[in-house]
Amino acid sequence: MAEREEPLVRLVAAVEQAGLRGPALLFLDLLRPVDLITSNLVGFGRPFVVGTTLEPFVVRLGEAAAWAELRRLLAAQD
């Protein structure tokens, strides 16, 4: 499972480095009711990022549970 979480951990680190943790948490909370739809939209873009550095993020965020995990990781940075 740790291997699957790595893209999320890297994403959280990038958000933190950019100083956007607050806005990211707000945006993720707004999307909470539509996590399934959001994951499907991300999955739709997957063929366009195959072989790029974005692929691990898209693969992971294509799962509805990843959005809750991303919220948890961002909130844990307090």
N, C-alpha and C. Protein backbone atom coordinates (compact mmCIF):
# COMPACT_ATOMS: atom_id res chain seq x y z
N MET A 1 0.83 -1.20 0.00
CA MET A 1 0.00 0.00 0.00
C MET A 1 0.87 1.26 0.00
N ALA A 2 2.03 1.21 0.64
CA ALA A 2 2.89 2.38 0.69
C ALA A 2 3.31 2.82 -0.71
N GLU A 3 3.53 1.86 -1.61
CA GLU A 3 3.91 2.19 -2.98
C GLU A 3 2.78 2.95 -3.66
N ARG A 4 1.55 2.58 -3.39
CA ARG A 4 0.40 3.25 -4.01
C ARG A 4 0.19 4.64 -3.42
N GLU A 5 0.60 4.86 -2.20
CA GLU A 5 0.42 6.17 -1.57
C GLU A 5 1.50 7.16 -1.97
N GLU A 6 2.61 6.67 -2.49
CA GLU A 6 3.72 7.56 -2.80
C GLU A 6 3.34 8.75 -3.67
N PRO A 7 2.57 8.56 -4.77
CA PRO A 7 2.20 9.74 -5.56
C PRO A 7 1.43 10.77 -4.74
N LEU A 8 0.57 10.31 -3.84
CA LEU A 8 -0.18 11.25 -3.02
C LEU A 8 0.74 11.99 -2.05
N VAL A 9 1.70 11.29 -1.49
CA VAL A 9 2.65 11.92 -0.57
C VAL A 9 3.47 12.97 -1.32
N ARG A 10 3.89 12.64 -2.54
CA ARG A 10 4.64 13.60 -3.35
C ARG A 10 3.77 14.80 -3.72
N LEU A 11 2.49 14.56 -4.00
CA LEU A 11 1.58 15.65 -4.33
C LEU A 11 1.38 16.57 -3.13
N VAL A 12 1.21 15.99 -1.96
CA VAL A 12 1.06 16.79 -0.74
C VAL A 12 2.31 17.62 -0.49
N ALA A 13 3.48 17.04 -0.70
CA ALA A 13 4.74 17.78 -0.51
C ALA A 13 4.82 18.96 -1.47
N ALA A 14 4.39 18.77 -2.71
CA ALA A 14 4.43 19.85 -3.70
C ALA A 14 3.44 20.96 -3.33
N VAL A 15 2.27 20.58 -2.85
CA VAL A 15 1.27 21.57 -2.42
C VAL A 15 1.80 22.35 -1.23
N GLU A 16 2.40 21.66 -0.28
CA GLU A 16 3.00 22.32 0.89
C GLU A 16 4.10 23.28 0.47
N GLN A 17 4.96 22.85 -0.42
CA GLN A 17 6.08 23.67 -0.87
C GLN A 17 5.57 24.94 -1.56
N ALA A 18 4.48 24.83 -2.28
CA ALA A 18 3.91 25.99 -2.97
C ALA A 18 3.11 26.88 -2.02
N GLY A 19 2.89 26.42 -0.79
CA GLY A 19 2.13 27.21 0.18
C GLY A 19 0.64 27.22 -0.09
N LEU A 20 0.14 26.17 -0.70
CA LEU A 20 -1.27 26.12 -1.10
C LEU A 20 -2.08 25.08 -0.33
N ARG A 21 -1.64 24.72 0.86
CA ARG A 21 -2.35 23.69 1.62
C ARG A 21 -3.77 24.13 1.96
N GLY A 22 -3.94 25.35 2.41
CA GLY A 22 -5.28 25.86 2.77
C GLY A 22 -6.24 25.84 1.60
N PRO A 23 -5.87 26.48 0.48
CA PRO A 23 -6.76 26.44 -0.68
C PRO A 23 -7.02 25.03 -1.20
N ALA A 24 -6.00 24.17 -1.14
CA ALA A 24 -6.18 22.79 -1.61
C ALA A 24 -7.18 22.05 -0.74
N LEU A 25 -7.08 22.23 0.58
CA LEU A 25 -8.04 21.59 1.48
C LEU A 25 -9.45 22.10 1.24
N LEU A 26 -9.60 23.39 1.02
CA LEU A 26 -10.92 23.96 0.74
C LEU A 26 -11.49 23.37 -0.55
N PHE A 27 -10.68 23.32 -1.59
CA PHE A 27 -11.10 22.78 -2.87
C PHE A 27 -11.49 21.30 -2.74
N LEU A 28 -10.68 20.53 -2.02
CA LEU A 28 -10.98 19.11 -1.82
C LEU A 28 -12.25 18.91 -1.01
N ASP A 29 -12.49 19.77 -0.03
CA ASP A 29 -13.73 19.67 0.74
C ASP A 29 -14.95 20.00 -0.13
N LEU A 30 -14.79 20.94 -1.05
CA LEU A 30 -15.88 21.25 -1.96
C LEU A 30 -16.19 20.08 -2.89
N LEU A 31 -15.17 19.32 -3.26
CA LEU A 31 -15.35 18.18 -4.15
C LEU A 31 -15.78 16.91 -3.44
N ARG A 32 -15.78 16.91 -2.12
CA ARG A 32 -16.08 15.69 -1.35
C ARG A 32 -17.36 14.99 -1.81
N PRO A 33 -18.46 15.70 -2.03
CA PRO A 33 -19.69 15.00 -2.43
C PRO A 33 -19.61 14.31 -3.80
N VAL A 34 -18.67 14.71 -4.61
CA VAL A 34 -18.59 14.14 -5.95
C VAL A 34 -17.25 13.43 -6.18
N ASP A 35 -16.71 12.81 -5.15
CA ASP A 35 -15.42 12.10 -5.27
C ASP A 35 -15.46 11.06 -6.38
N LEU A 36 -16.55 10.33 -6.48
CA LEU A 36 -16.65 9.29 -7.51
C LEU A 36 -16.61 9.89 -8.91
N ILE A 37 -17.34 10.97 -9.09
CA ILE A 37 -17.36 11.64 -10.40
C ILE A 37 -15.99 12.22 -10.71
N THR A 38 -15.36 12.83 -9.70
CA THR A 38 -14.04 13.41 -9.89
C THR A 38 -13.02 12.35 -10.28
N SER A 39 -13.08 11.20 -9.62
CA SER A 39 -12.13 10.13 -9.95
C SER A 39 -12.38 9.62 -11.37
N ASN A 40 -13.63 9.59 -11.80
CA ASN A 40 -13.93 9.18 -13.17
C ASN A 40 -13.41 10.19 -14.19
N LEU A 41 -13.52 11.48 -13.86
CA LEU A 41 -12.99 12.52 -14.75
C LEU A 41 -11.47 12.42 -14.87
N VAL A 42 -10.81 12.17 -13.75
CA VAL A 42 -9.36 12.00 -13.78
C VAL A 42 -9.00 10.76 -14.60
N GLY A 43 -9.74 9.69 -14.39
CA GLY A 43 -9.51 8.47 -15.15
C GLY A 43 -9.70 8.66 -16.64
N PHE A 44 -10.62 9.54 -17.01
CA PHE A 44 -10.85 9.83 -18.42
C PHE A 44 -9.60 10.42 -19.07
N GLY A 45 -8.83 11.19 -18.32
CA GLY A 45 -7.62 11.81 -18.85
C GLY A 45 -6.41 10.90 -18.87
N ARG A 46 -6.56 9.72 -18.30
CA ARG A 46 -5.42 8.80 -18.18
C ARG A 46 -4.73 8.48 -19.51
N PRO A 47 -5.45 8.21 -20.58
CA PRO A 47 -4.77 7.90 -21.84
C PRO A 47 -3.87 9.03 -22.35
N PHE A 48 -4.14 10.24 -21.92
CA PHE A 48 -3.37 11.39 -22.39
C PHE A 48 -2.07 11.59 -21.62
N VAL A 49 -1.90 10.91 -20.49
CA VAL A 49 -0.69 11.10 -19.68
C VAL A 49 0.16 9.84 -19.58
N VAL A 50 -0.17 8.81 -20.34
CA VAL A 50 0.61 7.57 -20.30
C VAL A 50 2.05 7.87 -20.69
N GLY A 51 2.97 7.43 -19.86
CA GLY A 51 4.38 7.63 -20.14
C GLY A 51 4.94 8.96 -19.68
N THR A 52 4.12 9.78 -19.04
CA THR A 52 4.60 11.07 -18.54
C THR A 52 4.78 11.00 -17.03
N THR A 53 5.32 12.06 -16.46
CA THR A 53 5.51 12.10 -15.01
C THR A 53 4.18 12.24 -14.27
N LEU A 54 3.12 12.60 -14.97
CA LEU A 54 1.81 12.73 -14.34
C LEU A 54 1.08 11.40 -14.17
N GLU A 55 1.52 10.40 -14.88
CA GLU A 55 0.80 9.12 -14.88
C GLU A 55 0.58 8.54 -13.48
N PRO A 56 1.58 8.48 -12.59
CA PRO A 56 1.31 7.90 -11.26
C PRO A 56 0.23 8.65 -10.48
N PHE A 57 0.18 9.97 -10.65
CA PHE A 57 -0.83 10.77 -9.96
C PHE A 57 -2.22 10.49 -10.52
N VAL A 58 -2.32 10.41 -11.83
CA VAL A 58 -3.61 10.16 -12.48
C VAL A 58 -4.11 8.76 -12.16
N VAL A 59 -3.21 7.79 -12.16
CA VAL A 59 -3.61 6.42 -11.83
C VAL A 59 -4.16 6.37 -10.41
N ARG A 60 -3.46 6.99 -9.48
CA ARG A 60 -3.89 6.95 -8.07
C ARG A 60 -5.17 7.75 -7.85
N LEU A 61 -5.26 8.94 -8.44
CA LEU A 61 -6.44 9.78 -8.24
C LEU A 61 -7.64 9.30 -9.06
N GLY A 62 -7.43 8.29 -9.88
CA GLY A 62 -8.54 7.67 -10.59
C GLY A 62 -9.37 6.78 -9.69
N GLU A 63 -8.95 6.60 -8.46
CA GLU A 63 -9.69 5.81 -7.46
C GLU A 63 -10.39 6.78 -6.50
N ALA A 64 -11.67 6.56 -6.27
CA ALA A 64 -12.44 7.47 -5.42
C ALA A 64 -11.86 7.57 -4.01
N ALA A 65 -11.34 6.48 -3.47
CA ALA A 65 -10.79 6.50 -2.11
C ALA A 65 -9.54 7.37 -2.00
N ALA A 66 -8.86 7.61 -3.11
CA ALA A 66 -7.64 8.41 -3.08
C ALA A 66 -7.92 9.86 -2.69
N TRP A 67 -9.09 10.35 -3.02
CA TRP A 67 -9.41 11.74 -2.68
C TRP A 67 -9.54 11.91 -1.17
N ALA A 68 -10.14 10.95 -0.50
CA ALA A 68 -10.22 11.01 0.97
C ALA A 68 -8.84 10.89 1.58
N GLU A 69 -8.00 10.04 1.00
CA GLU A 69 -6.63 9.89 1.48
C GLU A 69 -5.84 11.18 1.27
N LEU A 70 -6.04 11.83 0.16
CA LEU A 70 -5.37 13.10 -0.10
C LEU A 70 -5.80 14.16 0.91
N ARG A 71 -7.09 14.22 1.22
CA ARG A 71 -7.57 15.15 2.25
C ARG A 71 -6.94 14.84 3.59
N ARG A 72 -6.86 13.55 3.92
CA ARG A 72 -6.28 13.15 5.21
C ARG A 72 -4.80 13.54 5.29
N LEU A 73 -4.06 13.30 4.22
CA LEU A 73 -2.64 13.65 4.22
C LEU A 73 -2.41 15.15 4.33
N LEU A 74 -3.22 15.93 3.64
CA LEU A 74 -3.08 17.39 3.72
C LEU A 74 -3.44 17.90 5.11
N ALA A 75 -4.49 17.35 5.68
CA ALA A 75 -4.92 17.78 7.02
C ALA A 75 -3.90 17.37 8.09
N ALA A 76 -3.20 16.27 7.87
CA ALA A 76 -2.23 15.77 8.85
C ALA A 76 -0.98 16.63 8.92
N GLN A 77 -0.81 17.53 7.98
CA GLN A 77 0.38 18.37 7.96
C GLN A 77 0.34 19.49 8.99
N ASP A 78 -0.75 19.61 9.74
CA ASP A 78 -0.87 20.67 10.76
C ASP A 78 0.15 20.56 11.83
